[in-house]
Amino acid sequence: MSKNFLRSLRAVCAGLFLMSFCATAFAQDPFRKLGRGVANALTGWVELPKNIYSTSKESNAFAGMTLGLAKGAGMSIVRTGAGIYEIVTFPFPLPENYKPVLEPEYVF
């Protein structure tokens, strides 16, 4: 067998090995729920500047600094609270099948 064939065979095997994780990468399980909870608890504050920016972009700067600020403050509390909830309840399939409490799952 030639060296090129062996390299190609190794590359195909490595690709198949990596693709075998794709199905489980999006599956919901307790540890994904825990990771999501930690991420949301730590990054919930990012909702504040995110909502100010998006409201400013959709409307105007005044709306961003008023309505966006209010939405961001509220969503910061909600996302941080959801993160804490998911950390505490990660061993239990609540909601059904460990689905996220918030959509989108993460602030980004």
C-alpha atoms as a PDB file:
ATOM      1  CA  MET A   1       0.000   0.000   0.000  1.00  0.00           C
ATOM      2  CA  SER A   2       1.218   3.450  -0.813  1.00  0.00           C
ATOM      3  CA  LYS A   3       1.802   6.190   1.718  1.00  0.00           C
ATOM      4  CA  ASN A   4      -0.862   8.387   0.114  1.00  0.00           C
ATOM      5  CA  PHE A   5      -3.468   5.651   0.473  1.00  0.00           C
ATOM      6  CA  LEU A   6      -2.612   5.157   4.142  1.00  0.00           C
ATOM      7  CA  ARG A   7      -2.810   8.915   4.764  1.00  0.00           C
ATOM      8  CA  SER A   8      -6.197   9.059   3.044  1.00  0.00           C
ATOM      9  CA  LEU A   9      -7.427   6.072   5.038  1.00  0.00           C
ATOM     10  CA  ARG A  10      -6.307   7.703   8.292  1.00  0.00           C
ATOM     11  CA  ALA A  11      -8.009  10.966   7.331  1.00  0.00           C
ATOM     12  CA  VAL A  12     -11.264   9.151   6.527  1.00  0.00           C
ATOM     13  CA  CYS A  13     -11.125   7.216   9.804  1.00  0.00           C
ATOM     14  CA  ALA A  14     -10.428  10.384  11.766  1.00  0.00           C
ATOM     15  CA  GLY A  15     -13.306  12.156  10.016  1.00  0.00           C
ATOM     16  CA  LEU A  16     -15.698   9.302  10.746  1.00  0.00           C
ATOM     17  CA  PHE A  17     -14.569   9.270  14.368  1.00  0.00           C
ATOM     18  CA  LEU A  18     -15.209  13.007  14.720  1.00  0.00           C
ATOM     19  CA  MET A  19     -18.559  12.774  12.957  1.00  0.00           C
ATOM     20  CA  SER A  20     -19.691  10.121  15.415  1.00  0.00           C
ATOM     21  CA  PHE A  21     -19.825  12.872  18.059  1.00  0.00           C
ATOM     22  CA  CYS A  22     -22.086  15.105  15.974  1.00  0.00           C
ATOM     23  CA  ALA A  23     -25.270  13.299  16.970  1.00  0.00           C
ATOM     24  CA  THR A  24     -24.543  13.642  20.661  1.00  0.00           C
ATOM     25  CA  ALA A  25     -23.284  17.212  20.416  1.00  0.00           C
ATOM     26  CA  PHE A  26     -26.836  18.537  20.217  1.00  0.00           C
ATOM     27  CA  ALA A  27     -28.470  15.988  22.493  1.00  0.00           C
ATOM     28  CA  GLN A  28     -29.809  17.261  25.780  1.00  0.00           C
ATOM     29  CA  ASP A  29     -28.396  15.565  28.856  1.00  0.00           C
ATOM     30  CA  PRO A  30     -27.712  16.514  32.493  1.00  0.00           C
ATOM     31  CA  PHE A  31     -24.174  17.742  31.859  1.00  0.00           C
ATOM     32  CA  ARG A  32     -25.194  19.909  28.915  1.00  0.00           C
ATOM     33  CA  LYS A  33     -27.898  21.361  31.176  1.00  0.00           C
ATOM     34  CA  LEU A  34     -25.309  22.017  33.882  1.00  0.00           C
ATOM     35  CA  GLY A  35     -22.969  23.716  31.402  1.00  0.00           C
ATOM     36  CA  ARG A  36     -25.795  25.805  30.031  1.00  0.00           C
ATOM     37  CA  GLY A  37     -26.774  26.793  33.575  1.00  0.00           C
ATOM     38  CA  VAL A  38     -23.233  27.825  34.495  1.00  0.00           C
ATOM     39  CA  ALA A  39     -22.853  29.783  31.257  1.00  0.00           C
ATOM     40  CA  ASN A  40     -26.145  31.608  31.750  1.00  0.00           C
ATOM     41  CA  ALA A  41     -25.517  32.317  35.431  1.00  0.00           C
ATOM     42  CA  LEU A  42     -22.114  33.829  34.609  1.00  0.00           C
ATOM     43  CA  THR A  43     -23.069  35.703  31.430  1.00  0.00           C
ATOM     44  CA  GLY A  44     -26.594  36.841  32.267  1.00  0.00           C
ATOM     45  CA  TRP A  45     -25.322  40.402  32.682  1.00  0.00           C
ATOM     46  CA  VAL A  46     -24.446  40.479  28.965  1.00  0.00           C
ATOM     47  CA  GLU A  47     -28.180  40.816  28.235  1.00  0.00           C
ATOM     48  CA  LEU A  48     -27.939  44.461  29.365  1.00  0.00           C
ATOM     49  CA  PRO A  49     -25.550  45.808  26.689  1.00  0.00           C
ATOM     50  CA  LYS A  50     -26.936  43.352  24.124  1.00  0.00           C
ATOM     51  CA  ASN A  51     -30.478  44.716  24.475  1.00  0.00           C
ATOM     52  CA  ILE A  52     -29.319  48.331  24.539  1.00  0.00           C
ATOM     53  CA  TYR A  53     -27.412  47.754  21.302  1.00  0.00           C
ATOM     54  CA  SER A  54     -30.146  45.791  19.522  1.00  0.00           C
ATOM     55  CA  THR A  55     -32.886  48.272  20.503  1.00  0.00           C
ATOM     56  CA  SER A  56     -30.683  51.185  19.410  1.00  0.00           C
ATOM     57  CA  LYS A  57     -30.082  49.493  16.086  1.00  0.00           C
ATOM     58  CA  GLU A  58     -33.780  48.668  15.555  1.00  0.00           C
ATOM     59  CA  SER A  59     -35.117  52.074  16.627  1.00  0.00           C
ATOM     60  CA  ASN A  60     -32.785  54.841  17.765  1.00  0.00           C
ATOM     61  CA  ALA A  61     -30.257  55.675  20.468  1.00  0.00           C
ATOM     62  CA  PHE A  62     -32.869  57.156  22.822  1.00  0.00           C
ATOM     63  CA  ALA A  63     -34.977  53.980  22.639  1.00  0.00           C
ATOM     64  CA  GLY A  64     -31.837  51.939  23.237  1.00  0.00           C
ATOM     65  CA  MET A  65     -30.925  53.885  26.363  1.00  0.00           C
ATOM     66  CA  THR A  66     -34.464  53.695  27.768  1.00  0.00           C
ATOM     67  CA  LEU A  67     -36.400  50.698  26.467  1.00  0.00           C
ATOM     68  CA  GLY A  68     -33.263  48.694  25.719  1.00  0.00           C
ATOM     69  CA  LEU A  69     -31.919  49.389  29.192  1.00  0.00           C
ATOM     70  CA  ALA A  70     -35.189  48.227  30.769  1.00  0.00           C
ATOM     71  CA  LYS A  71     -35.372  45.091  28.593  1.00  0.00           C
ATOM     72  CA  GLY A  72     -31.722  44.321  29.248  1.00  0.00           C
ATOM     73  CA  ALA A  73     -32.058  44.705  33.006  1.00  0.00           C
ATOM     74  CA  GLY A  74     -35.086  42.427  33.044  1.00  0.00           C
ATOM     75  CA  MET A  75     -33.518  39.812  30.794  1.00  0.00           C
ATOM     76  CA  SER A  76     -30.298  39.881  32.844  1.00  0.00           C
ATOM     77  CA  ILE A  77     -32.294  38.868  35.896  1.00  0.00           C
ATOM     78  CA  VAL A  78     -34.277  36.256  33.960  1.00  0.00           C
ATOM     79  CA  ARG A  79     -31.215  34.682  32.299  1.00  0.00           C
ATOM     80  CA  THR A  80     -29.171  34.609  35.511  1.00  0.00           C
ATOM     81  CA  GLY A  81     -32.133  33.115  37.382  1.00  0.00           C
ATOM     82  CA  ALA A  82     -32.654  30.497  34.676  1.00  0.00           C
ATOM     83  CA  GLY A  83     -28.965  29.628  34.893  1.00  0.00           C
ATOM     84  CA  ILE A  84     -29.156  29.157  38.659  1.00  0.00           C
ATOM     85  CA  TYR A  85     -32.319  27.059  38.231  1.00  0.00           C
ATOM     86  CA  GLU A  86     -30.583  24.821  35.676  1.00  0.00           C
ATOM     87  CA  ILE A  87     -27.531  24.417  37.920  1.00  0.00           C
ATOM     88  CA  VAL A  88     -29.685  23.362  40.855  1.00  0.00           C
ATOM     89  CA  THR A  89     -31.920  21.025  38.823  1.00  0.00           C
ATOM     90  CA  PHE A  90     -29.359  19.601  36.393  1.00  0.00           C
ATOM     91  CA  PRO A  91     -29.694  15.975  37.613  1.00  0.00           C
ATOM     92  CA  PHE A  92     -33.432  16.001  36.917  1.00  0.00           C
ATOM     93  CA  PRO A  93     -35.033  15.981  33.429  1.00  0.00           C
ATOM     94  CA  LEU A  94     -36.972  19.199  34.074  1.00  0.00           C
ATOM     95  CA  PRO A  95     -38.286  20.484  31.708  1.00  0.00           C
ATOM     96  CA  GLU A  96     -38.829  17.288  29.757  1.00  0.00           C
ATOM     97  CA  ASN A  97     -35.613  15.753  28.391  1.00  0.00           C
ATOM     98  CA  TYR A  98     -33.390  18.525  29.843  1.00  0.00           C
ATOM     99  CA  LYS A  99     -34.641  21.063  27.309  1.00  0.00           C
ATOM    100  CA  PRO A 100     -33.559  24.684  27.854  1.00  0.00           C
ATOM    101  CA  VAL A 101     -35.698  26.948  30.017  1.00  0.00           C
ATOM    102  CA  LEU A 102     -34.925  29.947  27.775  1.00  0.00           C
ATOM    103  CA  GLU A 103     -34.661  30.328  24.026  1.00  0.00           C
ATOM    104  CA  PRO A 104     -32.038  31.011  22.797  1.00  0.00           C
ATOM    105  CA  GLU A 105     -30.110  28.727  25.114  1.00  0.00           C
ATOM    106  CA  TYR A 106     -27.250  31.178  25.528  1.00  0.00           C
ATOM    107  CA  VAL A 107     -27.008  34.956  25.524  1.00  0.00           C
ATOM    108  CA  PHE A 108     -24.960  34.959  22.288  1.00  0.00           C
END
